[in-house]
C-alpha atoms as a PDB file:
ATOM      1  CA  MET A   1      32.057  80.934 132.249  1.00  0.00           C
ATOM      2  CA  ILE A   2      32.107  77.579 134.040  1.00  0.00           C
ATOM      3  CA  LYS A   3      34.445  74.561 133.978  1.00  0.00           C
ATOM      4  CA  LEU A   4      33.395  72.062 131.311  1.00  0.00           C
ATOM      5  CA  ASN A   5      34.354  68.444 130.833  1.00  0.00           C
ATOM      6  CA  LYS A   6      34.932  66.843 127.472  1.00  0.00           C
ATOM      7  CA  GLY A   7      32.828  63.747 126.778  1.00  0.00           C
ATOM      8  CA  GLY A   8      33.558  60.781 124.582  1.00  0.00           C
ATOM      9  CA  CYS A   9      34.253  61.402 120.905  1.00  0.00           C
ATOM     10  CA  PRO A  10      31.092  61.059 118.797  1.00  0.00           C
ATOM     11  CA  THR A  11      30.829  58.120 116.430  1.00  0.00           C
ATOM     12  CA  SER A  12      30.882  60.218 113.267  1.00  0.00           C
ATOM     13  CA  LEU A  13      34.214  61.690 114.239  1.00  0.00           C
ATOM     14  CA  VAL A  14      35.675  58.380 115.281  1.00  0.00           C
ATOM     15  CA  ASN A  15      34.705  56.862 111.942  1.00  0.00           C
ATOM     16  CA  HIS A  16      35.292  59.699 109.559  1.00  0.00           C
ATOM     17  CA  SER A  17      37.519  62.513 110.992  1.00  0.00           C
ATOM     18  CA  LYS A  18      40.693  61.219 109.327  1.00  0.00           C
ATOM     19  CA  GLN A  19      39.085  61.062 105.918  1.00  0.00           C
ATOM     20  CA  TRP A  20      37.334  64.415 106.385  1.00  0.00           C
ATOM     21  CA  THR A  21      40.684  66.018 107.370  1.00  0.00           C
ATOM     22  CA  SER A  22      42.458  64.392 104.444  1.00  0.00           C
ATOM     23  CA  ASP A  23      39.782  65.685 101.978  1.00  0.00           C
ATOM     24  CA  LEU A  24      40.013  69.182 103.478  1.00  0.00           C
ATOM     25  CA  MET A  25      43.826  69.315 103.480  1.00  0.00           C
ATOM     26  CA  ASP A  26      43.902  68.227  99.842  1.00  0.00           C
ATOM     27  CA  TYR A  27      42.197  71.553  99.009  1.00  0.00           C
ATOM     28  CA  ILE A  28      44.574  73.463 101.320  1.00  0.00           C
ATOM     29  CA  ASN A  29      47.644  71.825  99.852  1.00  0.00           C
ATOM     30  CA  LYS A  30      46.518  72.741  96.348  1.00  0.00           C
ATOM     31  CA  GLY A  31      46.459  76.357  97.377  1.00  0.00           C
ATOM     32  CA  THR A  32      42.684  76.749  97.667  1.00  0.00           C
ATOM     33  CA  THR A  33      41.803  79.526 100.082  1.00  0.00           C
ATOM     34  CA  TYR A  34      39.715  78.389 103.012  1.00  0.00           C
ATOM     35  CA  LYS A  35      36.700  80.486 102.089  1.00  0.00           C
ATOM     36  CA  ASP A  36      36.642  78.885  98.591  1.00  0.00           C
ATOM     37  CA  ILE A  37      36.594  75.329  99.874  1.00  0.00           C
ATOM     38  CA  PRO A  38      33.106  73.762  99.440  1.00  0.00           C
ATOM     39  CA  LYS A  39      31.009  73.746 102.623  1.00  0.00           C
ATOM     40  CA  SER A  40      30.310  70.097 101.973  1.00  0.00           C
ATOM     41  CA  VAL A  41      34.018  69.476 102.609  1.00  0.00           C
ATOM     42  CA  LYS A  42      34.941  71.935 105.339  1.00  0.00           C
ATOM     43  CA  GLU A  43      31.776  71.780 107.441  1.00  0.00           C
ATOM     44  CA  LYS A  44      31.494  68.031 107.912  1.00  0.00           C
ATOM     45  CA  TYR A  45      31.453  68.633 111.631  1.00  0.00           C
ATOM     46  CA  ASN A  46      27.731  69.661 111.410  1.00  0.00           C
ATOM     47  CA  GLN A  47      26.579  66.145 112.246  1.00  0.00           C
ATOM     48  CA  LYS A  48      23.720  65.480 114.613  1.00  0.00           C
ATOM     49  CA  ASP A  49      25.694  63.263 116.994  1.00  0.00           C
ATOM     50  CA  ILE A  50      28.420  65.886 117.281  1.00  0.00           C
ATOM     51  CA  LYS A  51      25.913  68.643 118.016  1.00  0.00           C
ATOM     52  CA  ASP A  52      24.036  66.507 120.500  1.00  0.00           C
ATOM     53  CA  SER A  53      27.300  65.628 122.348  1.00  0.00           C
ATOM     54  CA  LEU A  54      28.354  69.265 122.454  1.00  0.00           C
ATOM     55  CA  GLU A  55      24.952  70.413 123.683  1.00  0.00           C
ATOM     56  CA  MET A  56      25.128  67.874 126.541  1.00  0.00           C
ATOM     57  CA  GLU A  57      28.614  68.784 127.756  1.00  0.00           C
ATOM     58  CA  CYS A  58      27.942  72.560 127.367  1.00  0.00           C
ATOM     59  CA  HIS A  59      24.492  72.283 129.075  1.00  0.00           C
ATOM     60  CA  LYS A  60      23.038  73.898 125.931  1.00  0.00           C
ATOM     61  CA  LYS A  61      24.895  77.112 126.735  1.00  0.00           C
ATOM     62  CA  CYS A  62      27.631  79.126 125.123  1.00  0.00           C
ATOM     63  CA  MET A  63      30.969  77.842 126.345  1.00  0.00           C
ATOM     64  CA  TYR A  64      32.162  81.392 126.839  1.00  0.00           C
ATOM     65  CA  CYS A  65      29.334  83.641 128.077  1.00  0.00           C
ATOM     66  CA  GLU A  66      26.861  80.967 129.367  1.00  0.00           C
ATOM     67  CA  SER A  67      23.947  82.310 127.301  1.00  0.00           C
ATOM     68  CA  ASP A  68      21.201  79.759 126.639  1.00  0.00           C
ATOM     69  CA  ILE A  69      21.440  78.566 123.041  1.00  0.00           C
ATOM     70  CA  SER A  70      18.751  75.901 123.126  1.00  0.00           C
ATOM     71  CA  GLY A  71      16.349  78.166 121.294  1.00  0.00           C
ATOM     72  CA  VAL A  72      18.858  79.766 118.979  1.00  0.00           C
ATOM     73  CA  ALA A  73      18.603  78.365 115.471  1.00  0.00           C
ATOM     74  CA  ASP A  74      21.994  79.519 114.274  1.00  0.00           C
ATOM     75  CA  TYR A  75      24.166  78.651 117.286  1.00  0.00           C
ATOM     76  CA  HIS A  76      27.733  77.856 116.278  1.00  0.00           C
ATOM     77  CA  ILE A  77      29.950  74.857 116.649  1.00  0.00           C
ATOM     78  CA  GLU A  78      32.991  76.639 118.042  1.00  0.00           C
ATOM     79  CA  HIS A  79      36.555  75.845 116.924  1.00  0.00           C
ATOM     80  CA  TYR A  80      38.731  76.961 119.817  1.00  0.00           C
ATOM     81  CA  ARG A  81      41.658  77.193 117.427  1.00  0.00           C
ATOM     82  CA  PRO A  82      40.067  78.804 114.359  1.00  0.00           C
ATOM     83  CA  LYS A  83      39.480  76.339 111.515  1.00  0.00           C
ATOM     84  CA  SER A  84      40.587  78.804 108.891  1.00  0.00           C
ATOM     85  CA  ILE A  85      44.020  79.104 110.551  1.00  0.00           C
ATOM     86  CA  TYR A  86      44.240  75.504 111.792  1.00  0.00           C
ATOM     87  CA  PRO A  87      42.269  73.564 109.137  1.00  0.00           C
ATOM     88  CA  GLU A  88      43.959  70.344 110.276  1.00  0.00           C
ATOM     89  CA  LYS A  89      42.033  70.751 113.589  1.00  0.00           C
ATOM     90  CA  SER A  90      38.599  71.202 111.938  1.00  0.00           C
ATOM     91  CA  PHE A  91      37.447  67.772 112.975  1.00  0.00           C
ATOM     92  CA  GLU A  92      39.456  67.366 116.137  1.00  0.00           C
ATOM     93  CA  TRP A  93      37.084  66.657 119.048  1.00  0.00           C
ATOM     94  CA  ASN A  94      39.144  68.487 121.629  1.00  0.00           C
ATOM     95  CA  ASN A  95      38.964  71.643 119.452  1.00  0.00           C
ATOM     96  CA  LEU A  96      35.159  71.740 119.301  1.00  0.00           C
ATOM     97  CA  GLY A  97      32.646  73.392 121.568  1.00  0.00           C
ATOM     98  CA  LEU A  98      29.452  75.477 121.314  1.00  0.00           C
ATOM     99  CA  SER A  99      29.177  79.225 121.244  1.00  0.00           C
ATOM    100  CA  CYS A 100      26.470  81.768 120.806  1.00  0.00           C
ATOM    101  CA  PRO A 101      26.591  83.680 117.475  1.00  0.00           C
ATOM    102  CA  GLN A 102      27.879  86.877 119.056  1.00  0.00           C
ATOM    103  CA  CYS A 103      30.785  85.335 120.947  1.00  0.00           C
ATOM    104  CA  ASN A 104      31.691  83.377 117.825  1.00  0.00           C
ATOM    105  CA  ARG A 105      31.621  86.526 115.662  1.00  0.00           C
ATOM    106  CA  ASN A 106      33.650  88.485 118.208  1.00  0.00           C
ATOM    107  CA  LYS A 107      36.271  85.852 118.471  1.00  0.00           C
ATOM    108  CA  ASP A 108      36.328  85.263 114.703  1.00  0.00           C
ATOM    109  CA  ASN A 109      39.811  84.189 113.545  1.00  0.00           C
ATOM    110  CA  THR A 110      41.695  85.828 116.444  1.00  0.00           C
ATOM    111  CA  PHE A 111      44.109  83.544 118.184  1.00  0.00           C
ATOM    112  CA  ASP A 112      47.583  83.875 119.697  1.00  0.00           C
ATOM    113  CA  GLU A 113      49.385  80.732 120.816  1.00  0.00           C
ATOM    114  CA  ASN A 114      51.377  82.833 123.275  1.00  0.00           C
ATOM    115  CA  LEU A 115      48.241  84.376 124.798  1.00  0.00           C
ATOM    116  CA  PRO A 116      45.384  81.896 124.081  1.00  0.00           C
ATOM    117  CA  PHE A 117      41.819  82.479 125.118  1.00  0.00           C
ATOM    118  CA  VAL A 118      40.668  80.908 128.362  1.00  0.00           C
ATOM    119  CA  ASN A 119      39.332  77.465 127.384  1.00  0.00           C
ATOM    120  CA  PRO A 120      36.746  76.200 129.876  1.00  0.00           C
ATOM    121  CA  TYR A 121      37.483  72.617 128.904  1.00  0.00           C
ATOM    122  CA  LEU A 122      41.178  72.918 129.740  1.00  0.00           C
ATOM    123  CA  ASP A 123      41.222  75.816 132.229  1.00  0.00           C
ATOM    124  CA  ASN A 124      39.356  76.498 135.452  1.00  0.00           C
ATOM    125  CA  PRO A 125      37.655  79.904 134.823  1.00  0.00           C
ATOM    126  CA  ASP A 126      37.789  80.602 138.574  1.00  0.00           C
ATOM    127  CA  GLU A 127      41.569  80.952 138.199  1.00  0.00           C
ATOM    128  CA  PHE A 128      41.155  83.644 135.610  1.00  0.00           C
ATOM    129  CA  PHE A 129      38.002  85.600 136.467  1.00  0.00           C
ATOM    130  CA  ALA A 130      36.166  87.116 139.392  1.00  0.00           C
ATOM    131  CA  PHE A 131      32.347  87.131 139.187  1.00  0.00           C
ATOM    132  CA  ALA A 132      30.705  90.211 140.621  1.00  0.00           C
ATOM    133  CA  GLY A 133      27.068  90.914 140.045  1.00  0.00           C
ATOM    134  CA  THR A 134      26.500  91.076 136.307  1.00  0.00           C
ATOM    135  CA  MET A 135      30.218  91.370 135.521  1.00  0.00           C
ATOM    136  CA  VAL A 136      32.930  88.867 134.612  1.00  0.00           C
ATOM    137  CA  LEU A 137      36.167  90.489 135.725  1.00  0.00           C
ATOM    138  CA  PRO A 138      39.691  89.415 134.648  1.00  0.00           C
ATOM    139  CA  LEU A 139      41.907  88.826 137.726  1.00  0.00           C
ATOM    140  CA  ALA A 140      44.558  91.423 138.127  1.00  0.00           C
ATOM    141  CA  GLY A 141      47.607  90.780 136.013  1.00  0.00           C
ATOM    142  CA  ASN A 142      46.060  87.829 134.148  1.00  0.00           C
ATOM    143  CA  ASN A 143      46.605  88.701 130.470  1.00  0.00           C
ATOM    144  CA  ARG A 144      44.800  85.661 129.085  1.00  0.00           C
ATOM    145  CA  ALA A 145      41.722  86.550 131.067  1.00  0.00           C
ATOM    146  CA  CYS A 146      41.939  90.165 129.828  1.00  0.00           C
ATOM    147  CA  VAL A 147      42.264  89.114 126.235  1.00  0.00           C
ATOM    148  CA  THR A 148      39.345  86.688 126.569  1.00  0.00           C
ATOM    149  CA  GLU A 149      37.038  89.191 128.212  1.00  0.00           C
ATOM    150  CA  THR A 150      37.895  92.026 125.785  1.00  0.00           C
ATOM    151  CA  VAL A 151      37.916  90.204 122.450  1.00  0.00           C
ATOM    152  CA  ILE A 152      34.976  87.913 123.052  1.00  0.00           C
ATOM    153  CA  GLY A 153      33.053  90.660 124.831  1.00  0.00           C
ATOM    154  CA  LEU A 154      32.051  88.910 128.044  1.00  0.00           C
ATOM    155  CA  ASN A 155      30.778  92.222 129.425  1.00  0.00           C
ATOM    156  CA  ARG A 156      28.975  93.566 126.306  1.00  0.00           C
ATOM    157  CA  PRO A 157      25.849  95.552 127.128  1.00  0.00           C
ATOM    158  CA  ALA A 158      23.387  92.871 125.925  1.00  0.00           C
ATOM    159  CA  LEU A 159      25.004  90.281 128.210  1.00  0.00           C
ATOM    160  CA  ILE A 160      24.974  92.617 131.204  1.00  0.00           C
ATOM    161  CA  GLU A 161      21.293  93.257 130.598  1.00  0.00           C
ATOM    162  CA  LYS A 162      20.489  89.560 130.403  1.00  0.00           C
ATOM    163  CA  ARG A 163      22.504  88.784 133.500  1.00  0.00           C
ATOM    164  CA  GLY A 164      20.631  91.577 135.263  1.00  0.00           C
ATOM    165  CA  GLU A 165      17.278  90.011 134.430  1.00  0.00           C
ATOM    166  CA  ARG A 166      18.445  86.657 135.836  1.00  0.00           C
ATOM    167  CA  MET A 167      19.898  88.431 138.907  1.00  0.00           C
ATOM    168  CA  LYS A 168      16.526  89.888 139.843  1.00  0.00           C
ATOM    169  CA  VAL A 169      14.920  86.430 139.912  1.00  0.00           C
ATOM    170  CA  VAL A 170      17.848  84.822 141.835  1.00  0.00           C
ATOM    171  CA  MET A 171      18.081  87.725 144.347  1.00  0.00           C
ATOM    172  CA  SER A 172      14.379  87.489 145.096  1.00  0.00           C
ATOM    173  CA  MET A 173      14.645  83.737 145.734  1.00  0.00           C
ATOM    174  CA  ALA A 174      17.785  84.243 147.868  1.00  0.00           C
ATOM    175  CA  ASP A 175      16.040  86.916 149.935  1.00  0.00           C
ATOM    176  CA  ASN A 176      13.030  84.607 150.543  1.00  0.00           C
ATOM    177  CA  TYR A 177      15.373  81.795 151.551  1.00  0.00           C
ATOM    178  CA  VAL A 178      17.227  83.965 154.057  1.00  0.00           C
ATOM    179  CA  LEU A 179      14.040  85.330 155.613  1.00  0.00           C
ATOM    180  CA  GLU A 180      12.285  81.917 155.887  1.00  0.00           C
ATOM    181  CA  THR A 181      12.032  80.654 159.471  1.00  0.00           C
ATOM    182  CA  ASN A 182      10.116  77.432 158.986  1.00  0.00           C
ATOM    183  CA  PRO A 183      12.647  74.563 158.705  1.00  0.00           C
ATOM    184  CA  LEU A 184      10.750  72.636 156.120  1.00  0.00           C
ATOM    185  CA  LEU A 185      10.004  75.652 153.908  1.00  0.00           C
ATOM    186  CA  LYS A 186      13.597  76.785 154.248  1.00  0.00           C
ATOM    187  CA  ASP A 187      14.838  73.433 153.029  1.00  0.00           C
ATOM    188  CA  ILE A 188      12.452  73.627 150.098  1.00  0.00           C
ATOM    189  CA  ARG A 189      13.547  77.164 149.219  1.00  0.00           C
ATOM    190  CA  ARG A 190      17.229  76.072 149.360  1.00  0.00           C
ATOM    191  CA  LYS A 191      16.595  73.225 146.976  1.00  0.00           C
ATOM    192  CA  GLN A 192      14.718  75.544 144.611  1.00  0.00           C
ATOM    193  CA  LEU A 193      17.476  78.081 144.754  1.00  0.00           C
ATOM    194  CA  SER A 194      20.129  75.408 144.133  1.00  0.00           C
ATOM    195  CA  LEU A 195      18.280  74.382 140.979  1.00  0.00           C
ATOM    196  CA  GLU A 196      18.126  78.018 139.821  1.00  0.00           C
ATOM    197  CA  ILE A 197      21.892  78.442 139.982  1.00  0.00           C
ATOM    198  CA  ALA A 198      22.802  74.945 138.728  1.00  0.00           C
ATOM    199  CA  GLU A 199      25.270  74.599 135.857  1.00  0.00           C
ATOM    200  CA  ASP A 200      22.544  74.092 133.241  1.00  0.00           C
ATOM    201  CA  LYS A 201      21.085  77.499 133.955  1.00  0.00           C
ATOM    202  CA  PRO A 202      22.149  80.672 132.120  1.00  0.00           C
ATOM    203  CA  TYR A 203      24.966  82.780 133.757  1.00  0.00           C
ATOM    204  CA  SER A 204      25.126  80.220 136.589  1.00  0.00           C
ATOM    205  CA  ARG A 205      28.616  81.297 137.703  1.00  0.00           C
ATOM    206  CA  CYS A 206      27.636  84.926 138.268  1.00  0.00           C
ATOM    207  CA  MET A 207      24.363  83.876 139.900  1.00  0.00           C
ATOM    208  CA  LYS A 208      26.092  81.496 142.279  1.00  0.00           C
ATOM    209  CA  GLU A 209      28.348  84.304 143.458  1.00  0.00           C
ATOM    210  CA  ILE A 210      25.368  86.503 144.114  1.00  0.00           C
ATOM    211  CA  VAL A 211      23.626  83.799 146.156  1.00  0.00           C
ATOM    212  CA  LYS A 212      26.747  83.236 148.229  1.00  0.00           C
ATOM    213  CA  MET A 213      26.950  86.942 148.997  1.00  0.00           C
ATOM    214  CA  ILE A 214      23.309  87.258 150.003  1.00  0.00           C
ATOM    215  CA  THR A 215      23.048  84.100 152.061  1.00  0.00           C
ATOM    216  CA  LYS A 216      26.635  84.009 153.366  1.00  0.00           C
ATOM    217  CA  GLU A 217      26.547  80.213 152.812  1.00  0.00           C
ATOM    218  CA  VAL A 218      28.461  77.725 150.716  1.00  0.00           C
ATOM    219  CA  TRP A 219      26.627  76.549 147.572  1.00  0.00           C
END
């Protein structure tokens, strides 16, 4: 998980969010259960400009686990506060992000205002987690981090496996950089390595920590 910054509100939300919210709340106020509300009413957030904006600010990665979702057809627009519990926030820009299908399913409708999930838009993940190898570890005594890691499954086996695959590539590049003695080639290798652990790459936070450990340098 990396720190994310919220961009400007997409035009479709600026122009229509109030009406979309009003239409949705009309159903809610009439006693219609959320699952019975037509998708054409409750899923108005599936607009191209909204998706494009979210992809840009999330670097086309899941906001929670940093998995690449650029090739995933059914990636989810994530409602930090679940839309079925907080329908009035369904079209609130600050409540929207992107998540991979698995993180979205794990999180589901779970939310506790007294112990909210770590939100990379509002929180600095470095203040909640330690990043060691393929693991994302809640800092000792940090209950919000513990809840986030456990419920969303930030260390589920499939993620650890994918991080391990990335780690092999990054470690090899880091080793080559450390061992390089030619100044020009060393500079080239550093630039290549920097690109490989940049924020738009999968699992960049874990990979950056690995590179720092191997090279003993600041990145």
